[in-house]
C-alpha atoms as a PDB file:
ATOM      1  CA  MET A   1     -22.143 -16.454 -15.930  1.00  0.00           C
ATOM      2  CA  SER A   2     -20.135 -18.522 -13.170  1.00  0.00           C
ATOM      3  CA  ALA A   3     -16.264 -16.834 -11.426  1.00  0.00           C
ATOM      4  CA  ALA A   4     -13.471 -18.567 -12.583  1.00  0.00           C
ATOM      5  CA  VAL A   5     -12.034 -21.598  -9.583  1.00  0.00           C
ATOM      6  CA  PRO A   6      -8.589 -22.039  -9.484  1.00  0.00           C
ATOM      7  CA  GLU A   7      -7.550 -25.552  -9.697  1.00  0.00           C
ATOM      8  CA  SER A   8      -6.481 -25.611  -6.441  1.00  0.00           C
ATOM      9  CA  GLU A   9      -9.901 -24.626  -4.447  1.00  0.00           C
ATOM     10  CA  ILE A  10     -11.123 -28.164  -3.192  1.00  0.00           C
ATOM     11  CA  ALA A  11     -15.207 -28.294  -4.268  1.00  0.00           C
ATOM     12  CA  GLY A  12     -17.515 -28.046  -0.965  1.00  0.00           C
ATOM     13  CA  THR A  13     -14.956 -26.384   1.168  1.00  0.00           C
ATOM     14  CA  GLN A  14     -15.400 -22.798   2.499  1.00  0.00           C
ATOM     15  CA  ARG A  15     -13.079 -19.656   0.976  1.00  0.00           C
ATOM     16  CA  LYS A  16     -10.870 -18.650   3.261  1.00  0.00           C
ATOM     17  CA  LYS A  17     -10.973 -15.072   3.875  1.00  0.00           C
ATOM     18  CA  HIS A  18      -7.829 -13.021   2.811  1.00  0.00           C
ATOM     19  CA  ARG A  19      -5.951 -11.391   5.517  1.00  0.00           C
ATOM     20  CA  HIS A  20      -7.080  -7.672   4.169  1.00  0.00           C
ATOM     21  CA  ASP A  21     -10.668  -8.230   4.205  1.00  0.00           C
ATOM     22  CA  LEU A  22     -10.088 -10.105   8.454  1.00  0.00           C
ATOM     23  CA  GLY A  23      -8.346  -6.514   9.150  1.00  0.00           C
ATOM     24  CA  HIS A  24      -4.742  -7.743   9.504  1.00  0.00           C
ATOM     25  CA  GLU A  25      -1.856  -5.832   9.075  1.00  0.00           C
ATOM     26  CA  ASP A  26      -0.436  -5.702   5.903  1.00  0.00           C
ATOM     27  CA  HIS A  27       2.960  -7.506   6.042  1.00  0.00           C
ATOM     28  CA  GLY A  28       5.479  -8.359   8.821  1.00  0.00           C
ATOM     29  CA  PRO A  29       5.568  -8.903  12.477  1.00  0.00           C
ATOM     30  CA  VAL A  30       3.088  -6.516  14.467  1.00  0.00           C
ATOM     31  CA  LEU A  31       6.282  -4.972  15.872  1.00  0.00           C
ATOM     32  CA  ALA A  32       6.901  -3.790  12.957  1.00  0.00           C
ATOM     33  CA  VAL A  33       4.169  -1.749  12.003  1.00  0.00           C
ATOM     34  CA  ARG A  34       5.380   2.254  14.209  1.00  0.00           C
ATOM     35  CA  THR A  35       8.274   1.263  11.823  1.00  0.00           C
ATOM     36  CA  THR A  36       6.434   1.049   8.458  1.00  0.00           C
ATOM     37  CA  LYS A  37       4.344   3.880   9.439  1.00  0.00           C
ATOM     38  CA  ALA A  38       7.488   5.872  10.251  1.00  0.00           C
ATOM     39  CA  ILE A  39       9.378   5.071   6.639  1.00  0.00           C
ATOM     40  CA  GLN A  40       5.622   6.086   5.637  1.00  0.00           C
ATOM     41  CA  ILE A  41       5.714   9.333   7.090  1.00  0.00           C
ATOM     42  CA  LEU A  42       9.019   9.401   5.376  1.00  0.00           C
ATOM     43  CA  LEU A  43       8.434   9.200   1.952  1.00  0.00           C
ATOM     44  CA  GLY A  44       5.255  11.349   1.659  1.00  0.00           C
ATOM     45  CA  MET A  45       7.362  14.183   2.825  1.00  0.00           C
ATOM     46  CA  TRP A  46      10.115  13.395   0.587  1.00  0.00           C
ATOM     47  CA  ILE A  47       7.334  13.432  -2.287  1.00  0.00           C
ATOM     48  CA  ALA A  48       5.805  16.167  -0.675  1.00  0.00           C
ATOM     49  CA  ALA A  49       9.150  17.920  -0.632  1.00  0.00           C
ATOM     50  CA  THR A  50      10.290  17.226  -3.977  1.00  0.00           C
ATOM     51  CA  MET A  51       6.838  18.399  -5.727  1.00  0.00           C
ATOM     52  CA  LEU A  52       7.089  21.446  -3.978  1.00  0.00           C
ATOM     53  CA  LEU A  53      10.767  21.824  -5.401  1.00  0.00           C
ATOM     54  CA  VAL A  54       9.852  20.951  -8.560  1.00  0.00           C
ATOM     55  CA  LEU A  55       6.892  23.101  -8.301  1.00  0.00           C
ATOM     56  CA  VAL A  56       9.283  26.386  -7.477  1.00  0.00           C
ATOM     57  CA  ALA A  57      11.886  25.607  -9.936  1.00  0.00           C
ATOM     58  CA  LEU A  58       9.235  25.997 -13.077  1.00  0.00           C
ATOM     59  CA  ILE A  59       7.954  28.984 -11.467  1.00  0.00           C
ATOM     60  CA  ASP A  60      11.318  30.147 -11.038  1.00  0.00           C
ATOM     61  CA  SER A  61      12.557  29.501 -14.656  1.00  0.00           C
ATOM     62  CA  ALA A  62       9.021  31.015 -15.888  1.00  0.00           C
ATOM     63  CA  THR A  63      10.148  34.429 -14.891  1.00  0.00           C
END
């Protein structure tokens, strides 16, 4: 079994590791890391609050 090799690769050259494999940030400058984390936290809280409100609405409609 051989893995498919993209045509863009040159035979005999070492494959480059992806930045995720090297532990680098996903996207954007290093200064934006805190902003990105804050946005992720806010979105997580928003999703949790939405799920809680849906659960309350389901319980309320069942009674």
